[in-house]
C-alpha cells in the first residue's frame, strides 16, 4: 500500500541527510545517470527524464528515432523532461512535465532500491490518449508500488498526432524502407530496444519484459505483438481496454499507407505548404493548431509496410503474432459517460430505429442481444452497444485470437464503481478509471476514496505484479483466477474480486458475425 504524501514527505526529509539517501547512480549505454527516490516510498529509486533517443526536431522530424547521444559526467535524472506536443483533446492531462516540446523522447524508470537480487522482471508501459495526448509522467501511472514488489517499471513518451503519424509521399520516397507514418510506434519499438540494452543496470532482466498499456496504449500492445520489429522481443503482454480488431461501425481501422499519404498531402495543403522541406520548417505550434482544426484524430497508426506490414487483425488471424501470455480485459461501462451527459438520450421508440440505421438488415438480430423492452433496459443496452463497439468487442476479439494461438490468456472485467461527483459512473466503470487501481496509485490528494477502493487497488495491482513476474496472475492471498482458454472463466475485479462465467458472449458473437468473423482484416 502506498504511504501517504504527508508520511512520505516526513520520511524523505529524515533520510535525505543519511549517507545512503542520495539516489544511486547507474551506467546506461550513453553515460552515467543519478536518480532520486520515489516521493511515495524511500525504498524505490526513480530515474526521471532519461533520453532514449535524440530529439526528433529539424531534419529529424518525421524520421525514425535515432539513438541518444552520449554525455560526459553524471546526468541528473531528477526532472520529468517534456511531454510530447499535444492539444487539450480530453481537457487537461495531469502530467508532471512542466512543458511540452518535440524534444520529448524521454522515459522514466522505477526500480527497487539497493536490491541484492538481479534479473528482476520488467514492465514497459505505454500511456493512452488516442495517439493525440498523454504522457509517461501521469500520476495514475506511478510505478512505485509495482517497483516495491520487485519489478522494474519503465514508462516512455512517444510522438503524437501529426508529429507521430504523418504519412506523405515525399517521406516515403526518402525512407530507405519505403515507408512513412508510424513514427510514434517506432518510438515505442526504440523504447523496447533501450530496455533490452540498458535494463540490467537497474537490476532488470532483458529477457523478461512485459509490455502493457490502456486504450491507445493497449492498441499499441496489440500492434507490437504483430509487428515484425518487436514481436520476438517481448515475453508477456497486458491490454486494458483496446486492441486493433475493429467492431462494425467502429473507427479502429488501420488505413493503408497510400490512403494516409493522401491525408498527409491534404494536411500540407491546409497549411499552404507544397514540399516536405516546407513542412519541416513549420513551427510545431502551427502544425498542432492545423491538425486540431481539421480533426484531433486525423492522424494515427497505419499499415505502413514496415512497422505494420499488414493489419494487426490479419497477423493474429493467421497466428503470426507473439504467442505469449496475455492478461486482457475492459471496464463494465466503457462509454457510460457518453449517455450520462447526453441530453438527447435514445428512447424505447428511437432505439430500434438507431439499430436499423447502424446494422441495416441485421437490426432484428441486434435487438435480440441489445434488448429494449423497457426504458431502463433500453438505456443499459444503449450503453452496452456503445461500449462494445468502442472497446469491449475489440478487446474480446484479441483474447479470442490469443486463446486460439495456444498461449495462456487471463481475461478480466473491471467492475469497481469508484467515487465520481459528476455521476458518470451511473451505468458502471467507465473508460480509463481502472488505471490507477492497476498501479495501486490512487490519487492521494482525493479524500473520497472508500476502503473498498483501496482493497480493489491492492488486489488488482497484486494480480498485475504476479503476471508481470510469472505470466500467471495468481498468488498468495488472492482469489483464484482461472485461465480463460480452459473454461471461459473471467475475473470480475471489485472490492471482492471473484472469477465467474463469461457474460454477454452473444453480443460479441453478433458483432463478430457482422464483421465477417474475421475482425476486419483490412488491407495487406
Protein backbone atom coordinates (compact mmCIF):
# COMPACT_ATOMS: atom_id res chain seq x y z
CA UNK A 1 0.00 0.00 0.00
CA UNK A 2 1.36 3.40 -0.92
CA UNK A 3 2.19 5.57 2.05
CA UNK A 4 0.52 8.96 2.14
CA UNK A 5 2.16 12.10 0.82
CA UNK A 6 2.38 13.53 4.33
CA UNK A 7 4.11 10.49 5.77
CA UNK A 8 6.37 10.07 2.74
CA UNK A 9 7.45 13.71 2.97
CA UNK A 10 8.49 13.24 6.60
CA UNK A 11 10.30 10.00 5.83
CA UNK A 12 12.16 11.51 2.90
CA UNK A 13 13.16 14.51 4.98
CA UNK A 14 14.66 12.14 7.52
CA UNK A 15 16.63 10.08 5.03
CA UNK A 16 17.99 12.95 2.95
CA UNK A 17 20.76 13.54 5.48
CA UNK A 18 21.65 9.85 5.71
CA UNK A 19 24.74 8.65 3.80
CA UNK A 20 22.75 6.21 1.67
CA UNK A 21 19.92 8.62 0.93
CA UNK A 22 21.30 10.13 -2.26
CA UNK A 23 19.88 8.02 -5.04
CA UNK A 24 22.11 5.52 -6.78
CA UNK A 25 23.96 6.28 -9.96
CA UNK A 26 23.84 3.75 -12.76
CA UNK A 27 25.65 3.43 -16.07
CA UNK A 28 23.46 3.16 -19.15
CA UNK A 29 24.77 2.91 -22.68
CA UNK A 30 25.06 6.70 -23.11
CA UNK A 31 26.65 7.54 -19.76
CA UNK A 32 26.11 7.75 -16.02
CA UNK A 33 22.80 8.91 -14.53
CA UNK A 34 21.84 9.78 -10.98
CA UNK A 35 18.25 9.36 -9.92
CA UNK A 36 16.18 10.24 -6.89
CA UNK A 37 13.91 8.33 -4.57
CA UNK A 38 10.17 7.99 -5.09
CA UNK A 39 8.13 10.56 -3.20
CA UNK A 40 5.86 7.72 -2.10
CA UNK A 41 8.42 5.20 -0.82
CA UNK A 42 12.10 5.73 0.02
CA UNK A 43 12.88 2.12 -0.92
CA UNK A 44 12.17 2.80 -4.58
CA UNK A 45 14.65 4.52 -6.89
CA UNK A 46 13.25 6.84 -9.56
CA UNK A 47 15.11 7.93 -12.68
CA UNK A 48 13.15 10.65 -14.46
CA UNK A 49 13.54 12.09 -17.93
CA UNK A 50 16.14 9.66 -19.26
CA UNK A 51 16.64 10.23 -23.02
CA UNK A 52 16.21 7.09 -25.11
CA UNK A 53 16.53 8.85 -28.47
CA UNK A 54 17.77 12.10 -29.98
CA UNK A 55 15.29 14.96 -30.07
CA UNK A 56 13.27 14.44 -33.31
CA UNK A 57 13.47 18.08 -34.40
CA UNK A 58 14.58 19.91 -37.52
CA UNK A 59 15.62 17.43 -40.19
CA UNK A 60 14.84 14.58 -37.77
CA UNK A 61 11.14 15.49 -37.64
CA UNK A 62 9.27 12.56 -39.24
CA UNK A 63 12.24 10.24 -39.19
CA UNK A 64 12.71 7.04 -37.18
CA UNK A 65 14.11 7.73 -33.70
CA UNK A 66 17.88 7.97 -33.58
CA UNK A 67 19.92 6.64 -30.61
CA UNK A 68 20.53 9.08 -27.78
CA UNK A 69 23.86 10.92 -27.76
CA UNK A 70 26.48 10.08 -25.14
CA UNK A 71 27.11 12.60 -22.36
CA UNK A 72 30.06 13.37 -20.11
CA UNK A 73 29.92 13.22 -16.33
CA UNK A 74 26.86 12.34 -14.27
CA UNK A 75 23.48 13.30 -15.73
CA UNK A 76 20.86 14.20 -13.15
CA UNK A 77 17.73 12.12 -13.76
CA UNK A 78 15.58 14.22 -11.46
CA UNK A 79 13.32 16.02 -13.92
CA UNK A 80 10.40 14.54 -15.87
CA UNK A 81 11.61 16.08 -19.12
CA UNK A 82 8.95 17.31 -21.55
CA UNK A 83 5.72 15.76 -22.75
CA UNK A 84 5.19 15.43 -26.48
CA UNK A 85 3.36 18.21 -28.33
CA UNK A 86 -0.41 17.76 -27.95
CA UNK A 87 -3.69 19.63 -27.76
CA UNK A 88 -6.34 19.67 -24.99
CA UNK A 89 -8.41 16.89 -26.55
CA UNK A 90 -9.86 15.49 -23.31
CA UNK A 91 -9.34 18.57 -21.19
CA UNK A 92 -6.18 18.96 -19.12
CA UNK A 93 -3.94 15.91 -18.82
CA UNK A 94 -2.45 15.68 -15.36
CA UNK A 95 1.14 15.16 -16.39
CA UNK A 96 4.12 16.08 -14.25
CA UNK A 97 6.28 17.55 -17.01
CA UNK A 98 6.46 21.32 -16.81
CA UNK A 99 6.22 21.89 -20.56
CA UNK A 100 5.73 20.20 -23.91
CA UNK A 101 8.06 20.03 -26.88
CA UNK A 102 9.01 18.00 -29.91
CA UNK A 103 12.06 17.17 -27.80
CA UNK A 104 10.10 14.62 -25.76
CA UNK A 105 11.64 11.17 -26.22
CA UNK A 106 12.35 10.54 -22.56
CA UNK A 107 11.43 7.68 -20.26
CA UNK A 108 11.09 7.16 -16.52
CA UNK A 109 12.33 4.16 -14.54
CA UNK A 110 11.20 2.95 -11.11
CA UNK A 111 13.35 0.23 -9.52
CA UNK A 112 13.76 -1.32 -6.07
CA UNK A 113 16.48 0.49 -4.12
CA UNK A 114 19.67 -1.36 -3.15
CA UNK A 115 18.26 -4.67 -4.36
CA UNK A 116 20.63 -7.59 -3.88
CA UNK A 117 18.59 -9.66 -6.34
CA UNK A 118 19.18 -9.07 -10.01
CA UNK A 119 17.28 -10.24 -13.09
CA UNK A 120 14.08 -8.56 -11.94
CA UNK A 121 11.02 -8.69 -14.22
CA UNK A 122 10.41 -5.56 -16.32
CA UNK A 123 7.12 -3.78 -17.00
CA UNK A 124 7.23 -1.48 -20.03
CA UNK A 125 4.07 0.68 -20.03
CA UNK A 126 2.74 2.74 -22.94
CA UNK A 127 0.32 5.52 -22.00
CA UNK A 128 -3.08 6.04 -23.59
CA UNK A 129 -4.67 9.16 -25.02
CA UNK A 130 -5.90 8.30 -28.51
CA UNK A 131 -2.42 8.83 -30.02
CA UNK A 132 -3.02 12.56 -29.64
CA UNK A 133 -2.45 13.29 -25.96
CA UNK A 134 -1.00 11.79 -22.77
CA UNK A 135 2.34 11.44 -21.07
CA UNK A 136 4.51 8.90 -19.26
CA UNK A 137 4.64 11.10 -16.17
CA UNK A 138 0.94 10.98 -15.30
CA UNK A 139 0.49 10.26 -11.57
CA UNK A 140 -2.03 7.46 -12.23
CA UNK A 141 0.80 5.51 -13.89
CA UNK A 142 3.20 5.96 -10.98
CA UNK A 143 5.37 2.83 -10.81
CA UNK A 144 6.26 2.98 -7.10
CA UNK A 145 4.01 0.18 -5.87
CA UNK A 146 4.99 -2.27 -8.60
CA UNK A 147 8.68 -1.48 -8.06
CA UNK A 148 8.17 -2.19 -4.36
CA UNK A 149 7.01 -5.67 -5.42
CA UNK A 150 10.36 -6.33 -7.13
CA UNK A 151 9.59 -5.09 -10.64
CA UNK A 152 11.49 -2.57 -12.76
CA UNK A 153 8.91 -0.23 -14.31
CA UNK A 154 9.73 1.74 -17.47
CA UNK A 155 7.41 4.35 -18.99
CA UNK A 156 8.38 6.18 -22.21
CA UNK A 157 6.83 9.03 -24.14
CA UNK A 158 6.19 8.65 -27.86
CA UNK A 159 5.36 11.15 -30.59
CA UNK A 160 1.69 12.03 -31.00
CA UNK A 161 -0.71 13.41 -33.61
CA UNK A 162 0.89 14.85 -36.76
CA UNK A 163 4.37 14.57 -35.22
CA UNK A 164 3.98 10.85 -34.65
CA UNK A 165 1.82 9.65 -37.52
CA UNK A 166 2.06 11.87 -40.61
CA UNK A 167 2.48 9.89 -43.83
CA UNK A 168 3.47 11.72 -47.01
CA UNK A 169 4.72 10.62 -50.46
CA UNK A 170 7.99 12.53 -50.01
CA UNK A 171 8.56 10.92 -46.63
CA UNK A 172 8.01 7.51 -48.17
CA UNK A 173 10.39 8.34 -51.02
CA UNK A 174 13.21 9.46 -48.72
CA UNK A 175 12.84 6.41 -46.46
CA UNK A 176 15.21 3.50 -47.06
CA UNK A 177 12.29 1.27 -46.04
CA UNK A 178 9.81 2.82 -48.47
CA UNK A 179 7.52 3.68 -45.60
CA UNK A 180 6.20 6.71 -43.74
CA UNK A 181 3.92 7.34 -40.77
CA UNK A 182 4.01 5.27 -37.56
CA UNK A 183 6.86 7.29 -36.04
CA UNK A 184 5.12 7.06 -32.67
CA UNK A 185 5.13 3.26 -32.91
CA UNK A 186 8.79 3.37 -33.92
CA UNK A 187 9.43 5.34 -30.72
CA UNK A 188 7.80 2.50 -28.78
CA UNK A 189 9.98 -0.06 -30.55
CA UNK A 190 13.02 2.07 -29.72
CA UNK A 191 11.97 2.01 -26.06
CA UNK A 192 11.91 -1.80 -26.16
CA UNK A 193 15.43 -1.85 -27.58
CA UNK A 194 16.56 0.66 -24.95
CA UNK A 195 15.21 -1.62 -22.23
CA UNK A 196 16.93 -4.67 -23.66
CA UNK A 197 20.22 -2.79 -23.82
CA UNK A 198 20.12 -0.93 -20.50
CA UNK A 199 17.72 -2.51 -18.03
CA UNK A 200 20.35 -4.73 -16.37
CA UNK A 201 21.86 -1.55 -14.91
CA UNK A 202 18.65 -1.14 -12.88
CA UNK A 203 18.52 -4.81 -11.85
CA UNK A 204 16.14 -5.81 -14.63
CA UNK A 205 16.09 -8.88 -16.85
CA UNK A 206 16.12 -8.04 -20.57
CA UNK A 207 14.61 -11.44 -21.30
CA UNK A 208 11.61 -10.97 -19.01
CA UNK A 209 9.77 -7.96 -20.46
CA UNK A 210 6.03 -7.43 -20.14
CA UNK A 211 4.59 -4.68 -22.30
CA UNK A 212 1.34 -3.08 -21.19
CA UNK A 213 -0.98 -0.20 -21.93
CA UNK A 214 -4.51 1.16 -21.78
CA UNK A 215 -6.70 2.44 -24.63
CA UNK A 216 -4.23 3.70 -27.27
CA UNK A 217 -1.55 2.05 -25.12
CA UNK A 218 -3.42 -1.27 -25.39
CA UNK A 219 -3.86 -0.78 -29.13
CA UNK A 220 -0.11 -0.28 -29.25
CA UNK A 221 0.49 -3.50 -27.34
CA UNK A 222 -1.57 -5.47 -29.85
CA UNK A 223 0.34 -3.77 -32.69
CA UNK A 224 3.72 -4.51 -31.11
CA UNK A 225 2.70 -8.15 -30.74
CA UNK A 226 2.03 -8.17 -34.50
CA UNK A 227 4.96 -6.08 -35.76
CA UNK A 228 8.00 -7.94 -37.14
CA UNK A 229 10.14 -5.29 -35.44
CA UNK A 230 9.05 -6.20 -31.91
CA UNK A 231 7.05 -9.41 -31.66
CA UNK A 232 10.11 -11.54 -30.83
CA UNK A 233 11.43 -9.12 -28.19
CA UNK A 234 8.68 -9.40 -25.55
CA UNK A 235 7.68 -12.17 -23.18
CA UNK A 236 4.25 -11.14 -21.81
CA UNK A 237 1.57 -8.55 -22.53
CA UNK A 238 -1.19 -6.67 -20.71
CA UNK A 239 -4.00 -4.95 -22.61
CA UNK A 240 -6.51 -2.72 -20.82
CA UNK A 241 -9.48 -1.71 -22.99
CA UNK A 242 -8.46 -1.90 -26.60
CA UNK A 243 -6.95 -3.92 -29.43
CA UNK A 244 -6.72 -3.46 -33.19
CA UNK A 245 -9.70 -5.69 -34.04
CA UNK A 246 -12.37 -3.24 -35.23
CA UNK A 247 -16.03 -3.82 -34.49
CA UNK A 248 -18.59 -2.99 -37.18
CA UNK A 249 -19.11 0.79 -37.43
CA UNK A 250 -16.07 1.46 -35.20
CA UNK A 251 -13.16 3.70 -36.19
CA UNK A 252 -10.30 1.40 -35.16
CA UNK A 253 -9.25 0.63 -38.71
CA UNK A 254 -5.63 0.75 -39.84
CA UNK A 255 -5.67 2.54 -43.21
CA UNK A 256 -3.12 1.62 -45.90
CA UNK A 257 -0.14 3.87 -46.46
CA UNK A 258 -1.40 5.17 -49.81
CA UNK A 259 -4.58 6.46 -48.18
CA UNK A 260 -2.61 8.00 -45.32
CA UNK A 261 -0.25 9.69 -47.79
CA UNK A 262 -3.22 11.39 -49.42
CA UNK A 263 -4.29 12.63 -45.98
CA UNK A 264 -0.77 13.91 -45.43
CA UNK A 265 -0.86 15.88 -48.67
CA UNK A 266 -4.28 17.24 -47.69
CA UNK A 267 -2.82 18.35 -44.36
CA UNK A 268 0.16 20.04 -46.02
CA UNK A 269 -2.19 21.83 -48.42
CA UNK A 270 -4.22 23.15 -45.49
CA UNK A 271 -1.01 24.76 -44.25
CA UNK A 272 -0.19 26.23 -47.66
CA UNK A 273 2.95 24.08 -47.86
CA UNK A 274 3.89 22.22 -51.01
CA UNK A 275 7.06 20.37 -50.03
CA UNK A 276 8.48 18.21 -47.27
CA UNK A 277 11.21 20.76 -46.53
CA UNK A 278 8.48 23.34 -46.10
CA UNK A 279 6.59 21.08 -43.72
CA UNK A 280 9.68 20.52 -41.62
CA UNK A 281 10.10 24.29 -41.34
CA UNK A 282 6.58 24.86 -39.99
CA UNK A 283 6.64 25.71 -36.24
CA UNK A 284 5.35 22.94 -34.00
CA UNK A 285 2.53 25.09 -32.64
CA UNK A 286 1.26 25.75 -36.17
CA UNK A 287 1.29 22.05 -37.05
CA UNK A 288 -0.62 21.28 -33.88
CA UNK A 289 -3.17 24.03 -34.47
CA UNK A 290 -3.78 22.86 -38.04
CA UNK A 291 -4.33 19.25 -37.00
CA UNK A 292 -6.68 20.27 -34.18
CA UNK A 293 -8.67 22.41 -36.62
CA UNK A 294 -9.12 19.57 -39.12
CA UNK A 295 -9.71 16.80 -36.58
CA UNK A 296 -7.73 15.96 -33.41
CA UNK A 297 -7.80 12.30 -34.53
CA UNK A 298 -6.75 13.00 -38.12
CA UNK A 299 -3.50 11.06 -37.60
CA UNK A 300 -2.89 7.60 -36.16
CA UNK A 301 -1.20 4.27 -36.88
CA UNK A 302 -1.43 2.85 -40.38
CA UNK A 303 -0.35 -0.18 -42.39
CA UNK A 304 2.90 1.43 -43.49
CA UNK A 305 4.64 -1.65 -44.90
CA UNK A 306 7.42 -1.59 -42.33
CA UNK A 307 6.29 -1.34 -38.70
CA UNK A 308 3.00 -2.92 -39.72
CA UNK A 309 3.29 -4.84 -42.96
CA UNK A 310 -0.40 -5.72 -42.74
CA UNK A 311 -3.24 -5.19 -40.30
CA UNK A 312 -2.90 -6.44 -36.74
CA UNK A 313 -6.12 -8.43 -37.21
CA UNK A 314 -4.69 -10.32 -40.19
CA UNK A 315 -1.47 -11.20 -38.36
CA UNK A 316 -3.46 -12.58 -35.42
CA UNK A 317 -5.93 -14.36 -37.71
CA UNK A 318 -3.00 -16.21 -39.29
CA UNK A 319 -1.33 -16.92 -35.93
CA UNK A 320 1.87 -14.97 -36.63
CA UNK A 321 1.72 -12.72 -33.54
CA UNK A 322 3.74 -13.11 -30.33
CA UNK A 323 2.38 -16.29 -28.76
CA UNK A 324 2.95 -15.07 -25.24
CA UNK A 325 0.84 -14.95 -22.06
CA UNK A 326 -1.78 -12.20 -22.26
CA UNK A 327 -3.74 -10.52 -19.47
CA UNK A 328 -6.57 -8.57 -21.09
CA UNK A 329 -9.94 -7.03 -20.35
CA UNK A 330 -12.14 -3.97 -20.20
CA UNK A 331 -14.42 -1.94 -17.94
CA UNK A 332 -18.10 -2.63 -17.30
CA UNK A 333 -19.43 0.58 -18.94
CA UNK A 334 -16.66 1.94 -21.14
CA UNK A 335 -18.82 4.65 -22.71
CA UNK A 336 -21.34 5.11 -19.92
CA UNK A 337 -20.38 8.75 -19.53
CA UNK A 338 -21.50 9.48 -23.09
CA UNK A 339 -25.06 8.70 -22.09
CA UNK A 340 -25.00 10.27 -18.66
CA UNK A 341 -24.04 13.63 -20.17
CA UNK A 342 -26.01 13.36 -23.42
CA UNK A 343 -29.24 15.40 -23.21
CA UNK A 344 -30.64 13.57 -26.25
CA UNK A 345 -30.76 10.04 -24.92
CA UNK A 346 -32.41 7.33 -27.01
CA UNK A 347 -35.89 6.16 -26.06
CA UNK A 348 -37.57 2.75 -26.40
CA UNK A 349 -39.11 4.12 -29.61
CA UNK A 350 -35.95 5.60 -31.15
CA UNK A 351 -33.51 2.87 -30.12
CA UNK A 352 -34.77 0.28 -32.65
CA UNK A 353 -34.52 2.95 -35.37
CA UNK A 354 -30.96 3.64 -34.31
CA UNK A 355 -30.18 -0.08 -34.64
CA UNK A 356 -31.69 -0.14 -38.13
CA UNK A 357 -29.50 2.79 -39.17
CA UNK A 358 -26.43 1.13 -37.68
CA UNK A 359 -26.96 -2.50 -38.70
CA UNK A 360 -29.48 -2.46 -41.57
CA UNK A 361 -30.78 -5.93 -42.31
CA UNK A 362 -29.17 -7.21 -39.12
CA UNK A 363 -31.14 -4.85 -36.85
CA UNK A 364 -33.53 -7.56 -35.64
CA UNK A 365 -30.58 -9.69 -34.59
CA UNK A 366 -29.10 -6.64 -32.87
CA UNK A 367 -32.33 -6.03 -30.94
CA UNK A 368 -32.29 -9.65 -29.79
CA UNK A 369 -28.99 -9.12 -27.94
CA UNK A 370 -29.41 -5.41 -27.11
CA UNK A 371 -32.93 -5.56 -25.73
CA UNK A 372 -35.20 -2.56 -25.22
CA UNK A 373 -38.36 -3.87 -23.53
CA UNK A 374 -38.35 -1.00 -21.03
CA UNK A 375 -36.69 2.38 -20.74
CA UNK A 376 -34.25 1.12 -18.12
CA UNK A 377 -33.33 -1.92 -20.22
CA UNK A 378 -33.03 0.23 -23.33
CA UNK A 379 -30.60 2.62 -21.64
CA UNK A 380 -28.48 -0.28 -20.41
CA UNK A 381 -28.48 -1.76 -23.91
CA UNK A 382 -27.55 1.57 -25.49
CA UNK A 383 -24.61 1.92 -23.11
CA UNK A 384 -23.61 -1.70 -23.73
CA UNK A 385 -23.72 -1.28 -27.52
CA UNK A 386 -21.70 1.94 -27.45
CA UNK A 387 -19.16 0.37 -25.09
CA UNK A 388 -18.93 -2.83 -27.13
CA UNK A 389 -18.33 -1.01 -30.41
CA UNK A 390 -15.92 1.42 -28.73
CA UNK A 391 -13.57 -1.00 -26.96
CA UNK A 392 -15.14 -4.15 -25.50
CA UNK A 393 -15.54 -6.12 -28.74
CA UNK A 394 -12.03 -5.34 -29.96
CA UNK A 395 -10.57 -6.49 -26.64
CA UNK A 396 -12.77 -9.60 -26.67
CA UNK A 397 -11.56 -10.47 -30.17
CA UNK A 398 -7.95 -10.02 -29.08
CA UNK A 399 -8.46 -12.51 -26.26
CA UNK A 400 -10.18 -14.96 -28.62
CA UNK A 401 -7.31 -14.85 -31.11
CA UNK A 402 -4.68 -15.31 -28.41
CA UNK A 403 -6.55 -18.28 -26.92
CA UNK A 404 -6.61 -19.76 -30.42
CA UNK A 405 -2.82 -19.45 -30.61
CA UNK A 406 -2.47 -21.74 -27.60
CA UNK A 407 -0.96 -19.05 -25.36
CA UNK A 408 -2.28 -18.55 -21.79
CA UNK A 409 -4.91 -15.81 -21.60
CA UNK A 410 -6.35 -14.27 -18.42
CA UNK A 411 -9.43 -12.15 -19.04
CA UNK A 412 -10.98 -9.63 -16.65
CA UNK A 413 -13.79 -7.13 -16.36
CA UNK A 414 -13.29 -4.14 -14.10
CA UNK A 415 -16.50 -3.53 -12.12
CA UNK A 416 -15.45 -1.20 -9.31
CA UNK A 417 -17.58 1.95 -9.34
CA UNK A 418 -15.39 4.46 -7.55
CA UNK A 419 -16.39 7.90 -6.33
CA UNK A 420 -17.39 10.33 -9.07
CA UNK A 421 -19.31 13.51 -8.15
CA UNK A 422 -20.24 14.02 -11.82
CA UNK A 423 -22.35 10.87 -11.91
CA UNK A 424 -20.51 9.50 -14.95
CA UNK A 425 -20.42 6.11 -13.23
CA UNK A 426 -24.20 5.67 -13.26
CA UNK A 427 -24.03 2.68 -15.60
CA UNK A 428 -20.75 1.19 -14.33
CA UNK A 429 -16.98 1.66 -14.53
CA UNK A 430 -16.17 3.97 -17.41
CA UNK A 431 -13.18 4.10 -19.72
CA UNK A 432 -9.75 4.54 -18.08
CA UNK A 433 -10.90 4.62 -14.43
CA UNK A 434 -9.15 1.31 -13.73
CA UNK A 435 -5.66 2.61 -14.44
CA UNK A 436 -4.75 3.96 -11.02
CA UNK A 437 -6.16 0.80 -9.43
CA UNK A 438 -3.89 -1.38 -11.58
CA UNK A 439 -0.86 0.60 -10.37
CA UNK A 440 -2.21 0.89 -6.80
CA UNK A 441 -1.68 4.61 -7.30
CA UNK A 442 -4.98 6.08 -6.14
CA UNK A 443 -4.69 9.86 -6.08
CA UNK A 444 -3.51 10.70 -2.54
CA UNK A 445 -4.97 14.20 -2.82
CA UNK A 446 -8.51 12.88 -3.03
CA UNK A 447 -10.40 12.38 0.20
CA UNK A 448 -13.41 10.47 -1.16
CA UNK A 449 -11.77 7.08 -1.70
CA UNK A 450 -13.55 4.37 0.25
CA UNK A 451 -11.92 1.31 1.89
CA UNK A 452 -13.37 -0.75 -0.98
CA UNK A 453 -11.41 1.31 -3.50
CA UNK A 454 -8.15 0.67 -1.68
CA UNK A 455 -8.97 -3.03 -1.40
CA UNK A 456 -9.66 -3.19 -5.14
CA UNK A 457 -6.38 -1.41 -5.91
CA UNK A 458 -4.34 -3.77 -3.72
CA UNK A 459 -5.97 -6.79 -5.30
CA UNK A 460 -5.70 -5.60 -8.89
CA UNK A 461 -2.08 -4.47 -8.54
CA UNK A 462 -1.32 -7.79 -6.86
CA UNK A 463 -2.64 -9.71 -9.85
CA UNK A 464 -0.74 -7.44 -12.25
CA UNK A 465 2.52 -7.85 -10.30
CA UNK A 466 2.21 -11.64 -10.27
CA UNK A 467 1.52 -11.74 -14.01
CA UNK A 468 4.47 -9.46 -14.79
CA UNK A 469 6.72 -11.78 -12.79
CA UNK A 470 5.49 -15.18 -13.95
CA UNK A 471 2.90 -14.89 -16.72
CA UNK A 472 0.24 -16.04 -14.25
CA UNK A 473 -1.71 -13.54 -12.07
CA UNK A 474 -2.37 -15.99 -9.25
CA UNK A 475 -0.62 -15.74 -5.90
CA UNK A 476 -0.99 -15.91 -2.15
CA UNK A 477 -3.93 -14.02 -0.69
CA UNK A 478 -5.76 -13.60 -4.00
CA UNK A 479 -8.88 -15.34 -5.30
CA UNK A 480 -8.11 -17.95 -7.94
CA UNK A 481 -8.05 -16.55 -11.49
CA UNK A 482 -8.59 -19.40 -13.98
CA UNK A 483 -7.00 -19.37 -17.41
CA UNK A 484 -9.68 -18.12 -19.79
CA UNK A 485 -8.99 -20.59 -22.57
CA UNK A 486 -9.64 -23.60 -20.35
CA UNK A 487 -13.14 -22.93 -19.01
CA UNK A 488 -14.18 -19.44 -20.19
CA UNK A 489 -13.90 -18.01 -16.70
CA UNK A 490 -13.41 -14.25 -16.30
CA UNK A 491 -12.08 -12.38 -13.24
CA UNK A 492 -14.54 -9.70 -12.13
CA UNK A 493 -12.45 -7.08 -10.35
CA UNK A 494 -14.13 -5.25 -7.49
CA UNK A 495 -13.83 -4.84 -3.72
CA UNK A 496 -14.46 -8.62 -3.59
CA UNK A 497 -12.92 -9.91 -6.79
CA UNK A 498 -14.01 -13.30 -7.99
CA UNK A 499 -13.99 -15.44 -11.10
CA UNK A 500 -17.17 -16.35 -12.92
CA UNK A 501 -18.52 -17.47 -16.29
CA UNK A 502 -18.07 -15.18 -19.27
CA UNK A 503 -21.01 -12.81 -19.72
CA UNK A 504 -22.64 -11.32 -22.82
CA UNK A 505 -20.90 -13.59 -25.29
CA UNK A 506 -23.93 -13.43 -27.60
CA UNK A 507 -23.37 -9.68 -28.01
CA UNK A 508 -19.77 -10.15 -29.10
CA UNK A 509 -20.63 -13.05 -31.38
CA UNK A 510 -23.29 -10.90 -33.04
CA UNK A 511 -20.75 -8.14 -33.71
CA UNK A 512 -18.24 -10.75 -34.83
CA UNK A 513 -20.72 -12.16 -37.34
CA UNK A 514 -21.37 -8.70 -38.73
CA UNK A 515 -17.62 -8.21 -39.08
CA UNK A 516 -17.47 -11.42 -41.08
CA UNK A 517 -15.95 -13.32 -38.16
CA UNK A 518 -12.53 -12.04 -39.15
CA UNK A 519 -12.20 -8.83 -37.13
CA UNK A 520 -11.97 -6.62 -40.27
CA UNK A 521 -8.68 -7.94 -41.59
CA UNK A 522 -8.29 -4.89 -43.81
CA UNK A 523 -5.55 -4.37 -46.42
CA UNK A 524 -2.35 -6.33 -46.52
